[in-house]
Amino acid sequence: MQNPLGDKKILIDIVRQEMPFGKYAGRKLCDLPTYYLEWFYAQGWPKGRLGAMLETLFVIRTEGLHDILEELKKRHGA
């Protein structure tokens, strides 16, 4: 994975986009529970941009960078 935290667009998309399928369909990606991200980590990320966003969110959560998401939610109306 490239440096996702350097891609401002992917961070904005994480707070704007909804999960398109599964138990949390319709919930904003940034609001997915950590255990759900851990499940994807163990099972494998979805392909494409969605997988990149979920993996980036997982890194943000596991590295304690929650403040990034809170600031983006304020600025981008999530």
PDB file of N, CA and C in Angstrom:
ATOM      1  N   MET A   1       0.847  -1.184   0.000  1.00  0.00           N
ATOM      2  CA  MET A   1       0.000   0.000   0.000  1.00  0.00           C
ATOM      3  C   MET A   1       0.881   1.232   0.000  1.00  0.00           C
ATOM      4  N   GLN A   2       0.542   2.201  -0.843  1.00  0.00           N
ATOM      5  CA  GLN A   2       1.257   3.464  -0.852  1.00  0.00           C
ATOM      6  C   GLN A   2       0.918   4.216   0.423  1.00  0.00           C
ATOM      7  N   ASN A   3       1.502   5.387   0.594  1.00  0.00           N
ATOM      8  CA  ASN A   3       1.220   6.188   1.781  1.00  0.00           C
ATOM      9  C   ASN A   3      -0.180   6.795   1.667  1.00  0.00           C
ATOM     10  N   PRO A   4      -1.205   6.146   2.215  1.00  0.00           N
ATOM     11  CA  PRO A   4      -2.575   6.633   2.060  1.00  0.00           C
ATOM     12  C   PRO A   4      -2.835   7.928   2.815  1.00  0.00           C
ATOM     13  N   LEU A   5      -2.074   8.183   3.872  1.00  0.00           N
ATOM     14  CA  LEU A   5      -2.317   9.399   4.634  1.00  0.00           C
ATOM     15  C   LEU A   5      -1.854  10.621   3.874  1.00  0.00           C
ATOM     16  N   GLY A   6      -1.101  10.425   2.805  1.00  0.00           N
ATOM     17  CA  GLY A   6      -0.677  11.532   1.964  1.00  0.00           C
ATOM     18  C   GLY A   6      -1.690  11.844   0.877  1.00  0.00           C
ATOM     19  N   ASP A   7      -2.699  11.019   0.714  1.00  0.00           N
ATOM     20  CA  ASP A   7      -3.734  11.194  -0.301  1.00  0.00           C
ATOM     21  C   ASP A   7      -4.952  11.843   0.349  1.00  0.00           C
ATOM     22  N   LYS A   8      -5.021  13.167   0.241  1.00  0.00           N
ATOM     23  CA  LYS A   8      -6.099  13.910   0.904  1.00  0.00           C
ATOM     24  C   LYS A   8      -7.478  13.457   0.409  1.00  0.00           C
ATOM     25  N   LYS A   9      -7.591  13.142  -0.862  1.00  0.00           N
ATOM     26  CA  LYS A   9      -8.884  12.742  -1.424  1.00  0.00           C
ATOM     27  C   LYS A   9      -9.385  11.453  -0.765  1.00  0.00           C
ATOM     28  N   ILE A  10      -8.504  10.490  -0.541  1.00  0.00           N
ATOM     29  CA  ILE A  10      -8.944   9.237   0.075  1.00  0.00           C
ATOM     30  C   ILE A  10      -9.444   9.486   1.500  1.00  0.00           C
ATOM     31  N   LEU A  11      -8.819  10.428   2.200  1.00  0.00           N
ATOM     32  CA  LEU A  11      -9.260  10.740   3.558  1.00  0.00           C
ATOM     33  C   LEU A  11     -10.638  11.399   3.553  1.00  0.00           C
ATOM     34  N   ILE A  12     -10.858  12.297   2.617  1.00  0.00           N
ATOM     35  CA  ILE A  12     -12.175  12.939   2.505  1.00  0.00           C
ATOM     36  C   ILE A  12     -13.226  11.902   2.120  1.00  0.00           C
ATOM     37  N   ASP A  13     -12.875  11.017   1.205  1.00  0.00           N
ATOM     38  CA  ASP A  13     -13.822   9.973   0.803  1.00  0.00           C
ATOM     39  C   ASP A  13     -14.193   9.059   1.968  1.00  0.00           C
ATOM     40  N   ILE A  14     -13.257   8.810   2.866  1.00  0.00           N
ATOM     41  CA  ILE A  14     -13.537   7.961   4.026  1.00  0.00           C
ATOM     42  C   ILE A  14     -14.625   8.564   4.901  1.00  0.00           C
ATOM     43  N   VAL A  15     -14.679   9.880   5.018  1.00  0.00           N
ATOM     44  CA  VAL A  15     -15.713  10.491   5.854  1.00  0.00           C
ATOM     45  C   VAL A  15     -17.007  10.762   5.090  1.00  0.00           C
ATOM     46  N   ARG A  16     -16.978  10.660   3.766  1.00  0.00           N
ATOM     47  CA  ARG A  16     -18.186  10.930   2.967  1.00  0.00           C
ATOM     48  C   ARG A  16     -18.884   9.674   2.462  1.00  0.00           C
ATOM     49  N   GLN A  17     -18.125   8.671   2.109  1.00  0.00           N
ATOM     50  CA  GLN A  17     -18.699   7.486   1.457  1.00  0.00           C
ATOM     51  C   GLN A  17     -19.332   6.531   2.452  1.00  0.00           C
ATOM     52  N   GLU A  18     -20.412   5.906   1.996  1.00  0.00           N
ATOM     53  CA  GLU A  18     -21.095   4.903   2.798  1.00  0.00           C
ATOM     54  C   GLU A  18     -20.637   3.511   2.401  1.00  0.00           C
ATOM     55  N   MET A  19     -20.688   2.603   3.345  1.00  0.00           N
ATOM     56  CA  MET A  19     -20.366   1.204   3.081  1.00  0.00           C
ATOM     57  C   MET A  19     -21.430   0.669   2.121  1.00  0.00           C
ATOM     58  N   PRO A  20     -21.019   0.112   0.979  1.00  0.00           N
ATOM     59  CA  PRO A  20     -22.002  -0.284  -0.036  1.00  0.00           C
ATOM     60  C   PRO A  20     -22.661  -1.651   0.177  1.00  0.00           C
ATOM     61  N   PHE A  21     -22.158  -2.459   1.102  1.00  0.00           N
ATOM     62  CA  PHE A  21     -22.717  -3.801   1.264  1.00  0.00           C
ATOM     63  C   PHE A  21     -22.498  -4.288   2.694  1.00  0.00           C
ATOM     64  N   GLY A  22     -23.127  -5.420   2.986  1.00  0.00           N
ATOM     65  CA  GLY A  22     -22.903  -6.101   4.255  1.00  0.00           C
ATOM     66  C   GLY A  22     -23.722  -5.555   5.412  1.00  0.00           C
ATOM     67  N   LYS A  23     -23.347  -5.989   6.578  1.00  0.00           N
ATOM     68  CA  LYS A  23     -24.050  -5.661   7.820  1.00  0.00           C
ATOM     69  C   LYS A  23     -24.142  -4.155   8.050  1.00  0.00           C
ATOM     70  N   TYR A  24     -23.130  -3.424   7.605  1.00  0.00           N
ATOM     71  CA  TYR A  24     -23.089  -1.980   7.842  1.00  0.00           C
ATOM     72  C   TYR A  24     -23.347  -1.162   6.577  1.00  0.00           C
ATOM     73  N   ALA A  25     -24.057  -1.741   5.626  1.00  0.00           N
ATOM     74  CA  ALA A  25     -24.408  -1.022   4.400  1.00  0.00           C
ATOM     75  C   ALA A  25     -25.133   0.263   4.767  1.00  0.00           C
ATOM     76  N   GLY A  26     -24.726   1.361   4.142  1.00  0.00           N
ATOM     77  CA  GLY A  26     -25.354   2.657   4.392  1.00  0.00           C
ATOM     78  C   GLY A  26     -24.676   3.465   5.478  1.00  0.00           C
ATOM     79  N   ARG A  27     -23.803   2.863   6.258  1.00  0.00           N
ATOM     80  CA  ARG A  27     -23.085   3.592   7.309  1.00  0.00           C
ATOM     81  C   ARG A  27     -21.824   4.210   6.706  1.00  0.00           C
ATOM     82  N   LYS A  28     -21.507   5.432   7.114  1.00  0.00           N
ATOM     83  CA  LYS A  28     -20.284   6.087   6.651  1.00  0.00           C
ATOM     84  C   LYS A  28     -19.089   5.214   7.016  1.00  0.00           C
ATOM     85  N   LEU A  29     -18.130   5.124   6.106  1.00  0.00           N
ATOM     86  CA  LEU A  29     -16.942   4.307   6.363  1.00  0.00           C
ATOM     87  C   LEU A  29     -16.262   4.713   7.662  1.00  0.00           C
ATOM     88  N   CYS A  30     -16.161   6.017   7.910  1.00  0.00           N
ATOM     89  CA  CYS A  30     -15.475   6.492   9.111  1.00  0.00           C
ATOM     90  C   CYS A  30     -16.180   6.079  10.397  1.00  0.00           C
ATOM     91  N   ASP A  31     -17.432   5.648  10.289  1.00  0.00           N
ATOM     92  CA  ASP A  31     -18.198   5.248  11.466  1.00  0.00           C
ATOM     93  C   ASP A  31     -18.297   3.727  11.631  1.00  0.00           C
ATOM     94  N   LEU A  32     -17.584   2.999  10.796  1.00  0.00           N
ATOM     95  CA  LEU A  32     -17.585   1.538  10.937  1.00  0.00           C
ATOM     96  C   LEU A  32     -16.863   1.156  12.219  1.00  0.00           C
ATOM     97  N   PRO A  33     -17.344   0.128  12.900  1.00  0.00           N
ATOM     98  CA  PRO A  33     -16.659  -0.303  14.125  1.00  0.00           C
ATOM     99  C   PRO A  33     -15.284  -0.913  13.811  1.00  0.00           C
ATOM    100  N   THR A  34     -14.376  -0.736  14.731  1.00  0.00           N
ATOM    101  CA  THR A  34     -13.014  -1.227  14.546  1.00  0.00           C
ATOM    102  C   THR A  34     -12.995  -2.742  14.349  1.00  0.00           C
ATOM    103  N   TYR A  35     -13.846  -3.470  15.065  1.00  0.00           N
ATOM    104  CA  TYR A  35     -13.824  -4.925  14.925  1.00  0.00           C
ATOM    105  C   TYR A  35     -14.181  -5.356  13.503  1.00  0.00           C
ATOM    106  N   TYR A  36     -14.992  -4.580  12.813  1.00  0.00           N
ATOM    107  CA  TYR A  36     -15.343  -4.876  11.418  1.00  0.00           C
ATOM    108  C   TYR A  36     -14.120  -4.695  10.520  1.00  0.00           C
ATOM    109  N   LEU A  37     -13.342  -3.661  10.773  1.00  0.00           N
ATOM    110  CA  LEU A  37     -12.098  -3.431  10.031  1.00  0.00           C
ATOM    111  C   LEU A  37     -11.088  -4.535  10.334  1.00  0.00           C
ATOM    112  N   GLU A  38     -11.060  -4.976  11.578  1.00  0.00           N
ATOM    113  CA  GLU A  38     -10.164  -6.080  11.953  1.00  0.00           C
ATOM    114  C   GLU A  38     -10.552  -7.359  11.217  1.00  0.00           C
ATOM    115  N   TRP A  39     -11.841  -7.561  11.023  1.00  0.00           N
ATOM    116  CA  TRP A  39     -12.309  -8.723  10.283  1.00  0.00           C
ATOM    117  C   TRP A  39     -11.801  -8.665   8.850  1.00  0.00           C
ATOM    118  N   PHE A  40     -11.933  -7.500   8.195  1.00  0.00           N
ATOM    119  CA  PHE A  40     -11.420  -7.348   6.831  1.00  0.00           C
ATOM    120  C   PHE A  40      -9.909  -7.558   6.797  1.00  0.00           C
ATOM    121  N   TYR A  41      -9.219  -7.061   7.803  1.00  0.00           N
ATOM    122  CA  TYR A  41      -7.769  -7.239   7.875  1.00  0.00           C
ATOM    123  C   TYR A  41      -7.423  -8.731   7.860  1.00  0.00           C
ATOM    124  N   ALA A  42      -8.168  -9.510   8.600  1.00  0.00           N
ATOM    125  CA  ALA A  42      -7.914 -10.947   8.676  1.00  0.00           C
ATOM    126  C   ALA A  42      -8.369 -11.690   7.413  1.00  0.00           C
ATOM    127  N   GLN A  43      -9.473 -11.269   6.817  1.00  0.00           N
ATOM    128  CA  GLN A  43     -10.064 -11.973   5.675  1.00  0.00           C
ATOM    129  C   GLN A  43      -9.520 -11.497   4.327  1.00  0.00           C
ATOM    130  N   GLY A  44      -9.072 -10.254   4.291  1.00  0.00           N
ATOM    131  CA  GLY A  44      -8.616  -9.643   3.040  1.00  0.00           C
ATOM    132  C   GLY A  44      -9.493  -8.450   2.696  1.00  0.00           C
ATOM    133  N   TRP A  45      -8.857  -7.402   2.226  1.00  0.00           N
ATOM    134  CA  TRP A  45      -9.576  -6.172   1.877  1.00  0.00           C
ATOM    135  C   TRP A  45     -10.304  -6.347   0.557  1.00  0.00           C
ATOM    136  N   PRO A  46     -11.453  -5.696   0.396  1.00  0.00           N
ATOM    137  CA  PRO A  46     -12.106  -5.709  -0.921  1.00  0.00           C
ATOM    138  C   PRO A  46     -11.153  -5.098  -1.960  1.00  0.00           C
ATOM    139  N   LYS A  47     -11.343  -5.449  -3.187  1.00  0.00           N
ATOM    140  CA  LYS A  47     -10.507  -4.920  -4.257  1.00  0.00           C
ATOM    141  C   LYS A  47     -10.885  -3.467  -4.556  1.00  0.00           C
ATOM    142  N   GLY A  48      -9.957  -2.756  -5.131  1.00  0.00           N
ATOM    143  CA  GLY A  48     -10.222  -1.409  -5.618  1.00  0.00           C
ATOM    144  C   GLY A  48     -10.160  -0.337  -4.547  1.00  0.00           C
ATOM    145  N   ARG A  49     -10.791   0.772  -4.864  1.00  0.00           N
ATOM    146  CA  ARG A  49     -10.752   1.960  -4.009  1.00  0.00           C
ATOM    147  C   ARG A  49     -11.364   1.685  -2.635  1.00  0.00           C
ATOM    148  N   LEU A  50     -12.454   0.931  -2.586  1.00  0.00           N
ATOM    149  CA  LEU A  50     -13.083   0.625  -1.300  1.00  0.00           C
ATOM    150  C   LEU A  50     -12.094  -0.080  -0.375  1.00  0.00           C
ATOM    151  N   GLY A  51     -11.397  -1.054  -0.883  1.00  0.00           N
ATOM    152  CA  GLY A  51     -10.403  -1.757  -0.079  1.00  0.00           C
ATOM    153  C   GLY A  51      -9.315  -0.825   0.416  1.00  0.00           C
ATOM    154  N   ALA A  52      -8.868   0.088  -0.454  1.00  0.00           N
ATOM    155  CA  ALA A  52      -7.842   1.059  -0.063  1.00  0.00           C
ATOM    156  C   ALA A  52      -8.354   1.978   1.040  1.00  0.00           C
ATOM    157  N   MET A  53      -9.618   2.382   0.937  1.00  0.00           N
ATOM    158  CA  MET A  53     -10.190   3.259   1.968  1.00  0.00           C
ATOM    159  C   MET A  53     -10.329   2.523   3.298  1.00  0.00           C
ATOM    160  N   LEU A  54     -10.794   1.292   3.261  1.00  0.00           N
ATOM    161  CA  LEU A  54     -10.951   0.529   4.497  1.00  0.00           C
ATOM    162  C   LEU A  54      -9.596   0.248   5.143  1.00  0.00           C
ATOM    163  N   GLU A  55      -8.607  -0.071   4.329  1.00  0.00           N
ATOM    164  CA  GLU A  55      -7.267  -0.319   4.864  1.00  0.00           C
ATOM    165  C   GLU A  55      -6.682   0.956   5.467  1.00  0.00           C
ATOM    166  N   THR A  56      -6.904   2.080   4.811  1.00  0.00           N
ATOM    167  CA  THR A  56      -6.436   3.363   5.338  1.00  0.00           C
ATOM    168  C   THR A  56      -7.115   3.667   6.666  1.00  0.00           C
ATOM    169  N   LEU A  57      -8.411   3.431   6.743  1.00  0.00           N
ATOM    170  CA  LEU A  57      -9.154   3.647   7.975  1.00  0.00           C
ATOM    171  C   LEU A  57      -8.624   2.746   9.087  1.00  0.00           C
ATOM    172  N   PHE A  58      -8.309   1.518   8.753  1.00  0.00           N
ATOM    173  CA  PHE A  58      -7.741   0.583   9.719  1.00  0.00           C
ATOM    174  C   PHE A  58      -6.416   1.119  10.273  1.00  0.00           C
ATOM    175  N   VAL A  59      -5.561   1.629   9.407  1.00  0.00           N
ATOM    176  CA  VAL A  59      -4.281   2.202   9.845  1.00  0.00           C
ATOM    177  C   VAL A  59      -4.525   3.403  10.751  1.00  0.00           C
ATOM    178  N   ILE A  60      -5.444   4.263  10.373  1.00  0.00           N
ATOM    179  CA  ILE A  60      -5.761   5.442  11.194  1.00  0.00           C
ATOM    180  C   ILE A  60      -6.193   5.003  12.590  1.00  0.00           C
ATOM    181  N   ARG A  61      -7.075   4.031  12.647  1.00  0.00           N
ATOM    182  CA  ARG A  61      -7.578   3.561  13.943  1.00  0.00           C
ATOM    183  C   ARG A  61      -6.489   2.894  14.772  1.00  0.00           C
ATOM    184  N   THR A  62      -5.709   2.015  14.153  1.00  0.00           N
ATOM    185  CA  THR A  62      -4.727   1.247  14.920  1.00  0.00           C
ATOM    186  C   THR A  62      -3.512   2.083  15.317  1.00  0.00           C
ATOM    187  N   GLU A  63      -3.290   3.181  14.627  1.00  0.00           N
ATOM    188  CA  GLU A  63      -2.156   4.052  14.962  1.00  0.00           C
ATOM    189  C   GLU A  63      -2.575   5.225  15.848  1.00  0.00           C
ATOM    190  N   GLY A  64      -3.838   5.242  16.270  1.00  0.00           N
ATOM    191  CA  GLY A  64      -4.310   6.288  17.176  1.00  0.00           C
ATOM    192  C   GLY A  64      -4.417   7.663  16.539  1.00  0.00           C
ATOM    193  N   LEU A  65      -4.755   7.703  15.262  1.00  0.00           N
ATOM    194  CA  LEU A  65      -4.842   8.977  14.541  1.00  0.00           C
ATOM    195  C   LEU A  65      -6.284   9.445  14.370  1.00  0.00           C
ATOM    196  N   HIS A  66      -7.112   9.179  15.353  1.00  0.00           N
ATOM    197  CA  HIS A  66      -8.543   9.483  15.284  1.00  0.00           C
ATOM    198  C   HIS A  66      -8.822  10.963  15.038  1.00  0.00           C
ATOM    199  N   ASP A  67      -7.934  11.825  15.507  1.00  0.00           N
ATOM    200  CA  ASP A  67      -8.153  13.266  15.352  1.00  0.00           C
ATOM    201  C   ASP A  67      -8.250  13.678  13.887  1.00  0.00           C
ATOM    202  N   ILE A  68      -7.550  12.956  13.022  1.00  0.00           N
ATOM    203  CA  ILE A  68      -7.623  13.244  11.590  1.00  0.00           C
ATOM    204  C   ILE A  68      -9.064  13.127  11.113  1.00  0.00           C
ATOM    205  N   LEU A  69      -9.727  12.058  11.506  1.00  0.00           N
ATOM    206  CA  LEU A  69     -11.108  11.839  11.071  1.00  0.00           C
ATOM    207  C   LEU A  69     -12.058  12.869  11.648  1.00  0.00           C
ATOM    208  N   GLU A  70     -11.877  13.206  12.905  1.00  0.00           N
ATOM    209  CA  GLU A  70     -12.772  14.173  13.541  1.00  0.00           C
ATOM    210  C   GLU A  70     -12.683  15.530  12.839  1.00  0.00           C
ATOM    211  N   GLU A  71     -11.478  15.947  12.502  1.00  0.00           N
ATOM    212  CA  GLU A  71     -11.298  17.222  11.804  1.00  0.00           C
ATOM    213  C   GLU A  71     -11.920  17.165  10.406  1.00  0.00           C
ATOM    214  N   LEU A  72     -11.729  16.071   9.712  1.00  0.00           N
ATOM    215  CA  LEU A  72     -12.319  15.926   8.379  1.00  0.00           C
ATOM    216  C   LEU A  72     -13.843  15.903   8.436  1.00  0.00           C
ATOM    217  N   LYS A  73     -14.409  15.270   9.462  1.00  0.00           N
ATOM    218  CA  LYS A  73     -15.868  15.254   9.606  1.00  0.00           C
ATOM    219  C   LYS A  73     -16.391  16.685   9.756  1.00  0.00           C
ATOM    220  N   LYS A  74     -15.692  17.490  10.546  1.00  0.00           N
ATOM    221  CA  LYS A  74     -16.115  18.886  10.739  1.00  0.00           C
ATOM    222  C   LYS A  74     -16.040  19.678   9.435  1.00  0.00           C
ATOM    223  N   ARG A  75     -14.962  19.494   8.713  1.00  0.00           N
ATOM    224  CA  ARG A  75     -14.725  20.291   7.498  1.00  0.00           C
ATOM    225  C   ARG A  75     -15.526  19.854   6.308  1.00  0.00           C
ATOM    226  N   HIS A  76     -15.846  18.578   6.230  1.00  0.00           N
ATOM    227  CA  HIS A  76     -16.474  18.050   5.016  1.00  0.00           C
ATOM    228  C   HIS A  76     -17.866  17.496   5.245  1.00  0.00           C
ATOM    229  N   GLY A  77     -18.486  17.889   6.330  1.00  0.00           N
ATOM    230  CA  GLY A  77     -19.890  17.611   6.555  1.00  0.00           C
ATOM    231  C   GLY A  77     -20.300  16.177   6.719  1.00  0.00           C
ATOM    232  N   ALA A  78     -19.423  15.371   7.255  1.00  0.00           N
ATOM    233  CA  ALA A  78     -19.797  13.971   7.435  1.00  0.00           C
ATOM    234  C   ALA A  78     -20.545  13.785   8.727  1.00  0.00           C
TER     235      ALA A  78
END
